[in-house]
Protein backbone atom coordinates (compact mmCIF):
# COMPACT_ATOMS: atom_id res chain seq x y z
CA UNK A 1 49.85 -3.66 -0.45
CA UNK A 2 45.62 -2.90 -0.44
CA UNK A 3 42.68 -5.78 -0.53
CA UNK A 4 42.02 -3.76 -4.36
CA UNK A 5 45.92 -3.53 -5.23
CA UNK A 6 46.24 -7.37 -4.90
CA UNK A 7 43.60 -7.95 -7.15
CA UNK A 8 40.44 -8.62 -4.05
CA UNK A 9 36.72 -6.76 -4.84
CA UNK A 10 35.94 -5.26 -2.18
CA UNK A 11 32.57 -5.00 -1.95
CA UNK A 12 31.77 -1.51 0.09
CA UNK A 13 28.02 -1.14 -0.18
CA UNK A 14 27.53 -4.95 1.72
CA UNK A 15 30.13 -3.75 4.23
CA UNK A 16 28.45 -0.18 4.87
CA UNK A 17 25.85 0.90 7.07
CA UNK A 18 23.07 1.57 5.26
CA UNK A 19 19.77 0.13 5.48
CA UNK A 20 18.00 -0.82 3.14
CA UNK A 21 13.72 0.01 3.33
CA UNK A 22 12.07 -2.28 0.98
CA UNK A 23 8.71 -1.74 0.41
CA UNK A 24 8.23 -4.75 -1.32
CA UNK A 25 8.41 -6.51 1.63
CA UNK A 26 5.46 -4.62 3.19
CA UNK A 27 3.16 -5.67 -0.32
CA UNK A 28 -0.39 -8.21 0.76
CA UNK A 29 -0.11 -10.55 -1.31
CA UNK A 30 -3.58 -11.77 -2.99
CA UNK A 31 -6.48 -10.97 -5.62
CA UNK A 32 -7.49 -7.48 -5.78
CA UNK A 33 -11.57 -6.67 -7.25
CA UNK A 34 -13.43 -3.38 -7.75
CA UNK A 35 -17.06 -3.95 -6.98
CA UNK A 36 -19.25 -1.34 -8.34
CA UNK A 37 -22.36 -1.13 -7.27
CA UNK A 38 -23.05 0.13 -10.57
CA UNK A 39 -25.12 -2.79 -11.92
CA UNK A 40 -27.36 -2.87 -9.38
CA UNK A 41 -28.87 0.50 -10.16
CA UNK A 42 -32.49 0.78 -11.43
CA UNK A 43 -32.08 2.25 -14.86
CA UNK A 44 -28.48 3.09 -14.36
CA UNK A 45 -29.62 6.14 -12.05
CA UNK A 46 -31.46 5.15 -8.80
CA UNK A 47 -30.53 2.20 -6.23
CA UNK A 48 -34.06 0.39 -4.93
CA UNK A 49 -34.25 -0.78 -1.52
CA UNK A 50 -35.42 -3.89 -2.13
CA UNK A 51 -34.29 -4.71 -5.21
CA UNK A 52 -30.70 -4.00 -3.81
CA UNK A 53 -31.62 -6.29 -0.41
CA UNK A 54 -32.57 -9.39 -2.82
CA UNK A 55 -29.49 -9.13 -4.30
CA UNK A 56 -27.85 -8.98 -1.73
CA UNK A 57 -29.45 -11.75 0.18
CA UNK A 58 -29.28 -14.44 -3.83
CA UNK A 59 -25.74 -13.58 -4.36
CA UNK A 60 -22.58 -15.71 -4.05
CA UNK A 61 -19.71 -13.93 -1.69
CA UNK A 62 -18.17 -16.71 -1.89
CA UNK A 63 -16.50 -15.40 -4.90
CA UNK A 64 -14.89 -12.83 -2.82
CA UNK A 65 -14.03 -15.29 -0.67
CA UNK A 66 -10.37 -14.42 0.48
CA UNK A 67 -9.92 -11.46 -1.86
CA UNK A 68 -9.45 -7.98 -1.58
CA UNK A 69 -12.56 -5.88 -2.61
CA UNK A 70 -12.85 -2.04 -2.96
CA UNK A 71 -16.24 -1.12 -3.62
CA UNK A 72 -17.95 2.35 -5.65
CA UNK A 73 -19.79 3.91 -7.58
CA UNK A 74 -18.69 4.75 -10.81
CA UNK A 75 -21.14 6.88 -12.84
CA UNK A 76 -23.49 10.01 -11.05
CA UNK A 77 -26.12 7.94 -9.51
CA UNK A 78 -27.92 8.30 -5.86
CA UNK A 79 -27.01 5.60 -4.31
CA UNK A 80 -28.07 6.13 0.03
CA UNK A 81 -24.68 5.66 2.62
CA UNK A 82 -26.39 2.34 4.06
CA UNK A 83 -26.23 0.75 0.44
CA UNK A 84 -22.37 0.40 0.74
CA UNK A 85 -23.13 -0.35 4.33
CA UNK A 86 -24.78 -3.73 3.66
CA UNK A 87 -22.80 -4.60 0.76
CA UNK A 88 -19.58 -4.26 2.99
CA UNK A 89 -21.23 -6.34 5.67
CA UNK A 90 -22.01 -8.97 3.01
CA UNK A 91 -18.33 -8.72 1.55
CA UNK A 92 -16.96 -9.38 5.18
CA UNK A 93 -16.71 -12.89 6.23
CA UNK A 94 -15.09 -14.14 2.72
CA UNK A 95 -13.50 -10.87 2.03
CA UNK A 96 -10.12 -10.39 3.49
CA UNK A 97 -10.10 -6.67 2.68
CA UNK A 98 -12.92 -4.55 1.87
CA UNK A 99 -12.88 -0.90 1.29
CA UNK A 100 -14.55 2.04 -0.01
CA UNK A 101 -13.00 4.30 -3.12
CA UNK A 102 -10.98 2.47 -6.18
CA UNK A 103 -8.02 -0.32 -6.62
CA UNK A 104 -5.92 2.27 -6.05
CA UNK A 105 -7.54 3.38 -2.64
CA UNK A 106 -7.26 -0.40 -1.81
CA UNK A 107 -3.91 -0.23 -2.81
CA UNK A 108 -3.12 2.56 -0.08
CA UNK A 109 -4.71 1.06 2.46
CA UNK A 110 -2.66 -1.71 2.74
CA UNK A 111 0.26 -0.53 2.71
CA UNK A 112 -1.09 2.35 5.69
CA UNK A 113 -2.03 -0.70 7.21
CA UNK A 114 1.12 -2.62 7.21
CA UNK A 115 3.46 0.37 7.60
CA UNK A 116 1.31 1.32 10.48
CA UNK A 117 2.69 -1.50 12.62
CA UNK A 118 6.34 -0.48 12.03
CA UNK A 119 8.57 1.15 14.95
CA UNK A 120 9.86 4.10 12.96
CA UNK A 121 11.88 5.00 15.93
CA UNK A 122 14.37 1.96 15.66
CA UNK A 123 15.52 3.74 12.80
CA UNK A 124 17.29 6.51 14.71
CA UNK A 125 20.36 8.01 13.53
CA UNK A 126 20.78 5.54 10.53
CA UNK A 127 21.53 5.40 6.76
CA UNK A 128 18.38 4.90 5.75
CA UNK A 129 17.90 3.75 1.13
CA UNK A 130 14.56 3.46 0.06
CA UNK A 131 14.30 0.69 -2.06
CA UNK A 132 13.47 2.10 -5.57
CA UNK A 133 12.90 -1.04 -7.91
CA UNK A 134 10.73 -3.76 -7.30
CA UNK A 135 8.44 -6.92 -8.98
CA UNK A 136 5.28 -5.15 -7.32
CA UNK A 137 3.72 -1.49 -7.48
CA UNK A 138 4.61 0.71 -5.04
CA UNK A 139 2.03 3.92 -5.21
CA UNK A 140 4.15 7.24 -5.00
CA UNK A 141 1.93 8.56 -1.83
CA UNK A 142 3.55 5.40 0.05
CA UNK A 143 6.70 6.64 -0.76
CA UNK A 144 5.64 9.90 0.22
CA UNK A 145 3.94 8.57 3.49
CA UNK A 146 8.07 6.86 4.31
CA UNK A 147 9.58 9.61 3.75
CA UNK A 148 7.52 11.57 6.64
CA UNK A 149 7.83 8.26 9.10
CA UNK A 150 11.52 7.76 8.99
CA UNK A 151 13.08 11.91 8.11
CA UNK A 152 12.63 12.72 12.38
CA UNK A 153 15.07 9.74 12.84
CA UNK A 154 17.47 8.65 10.25
CA UNK A 155 20.85 10.58 10.08
CA UNK A 156 20.69 10.76 5.91
CA UNK A 157 18.33 9.08 3.88
CA UNK A 158 18.49 8.06 0.01
CA UNK A 159 16.09 6.51 -3.18
CA UNK A 160 16.77 3.86 -4.87
CA UNK A 161 19.72 0.78 -4.78
CA UNK A 162 22.45 0.77 -1.95
CA UNK A 163 25.01 1.00 -4.89
CA UNK A 164 23.24 3.88 -6.58
CA UNK A 165 21.62 6.19 -4.99
CA UNK A 166 20.20 10.01 -4.93
CA UNK A 167 20.09 11.70 -2.19
CA UNK A 168 17.37 13.09 -0.31
CA UNK A 169 18.37 14.23 3.32
CA UNK A 170 21.39 14.63 5.83
CA UNK A 171 20.52 15.33 9.43
CA UNK A 172 23.03 19.25 10.07
CA UNK A 173 25.55 18.46 12.91
CA UNK A 174 23.72 20.57 14.60
CA UNK A 175 19.74 19.50 14.82
């Protein structure tokens, strides 16, 4: 008589060799802020060096302490490259991270930095489920990046939850 016939429920998921790859683990908690340089433009069109340097010198940068900052200019204006560099220099002692671009660019950079530390070869011949549900929003580009990294190593790759997966890839015996 099997265990199921004896009335015991067997958790096949817990007993399987599946590895759950949870991207939520790689999320870096902390406040994200968009710094839009448009507010420093003269007549909304051009950045004036003296005015901008005065702003950099007199602004209270401690507001950005420990925060993730994405710097951008949301209007079509003449902003020299050095202005973004100067802004980064002012933010760097306070901000946890500074990137050029949108808040989405910032999130991608954070995830890519975290994923770059993984030894992907440790997944050789594994059966991996990339977890689909998380408490934080994971950019689709990061799911694509994880597939790019895992596929060369794994025997199978799935998406979802271990109890309900969508098969994505299975290595053929000859591969």
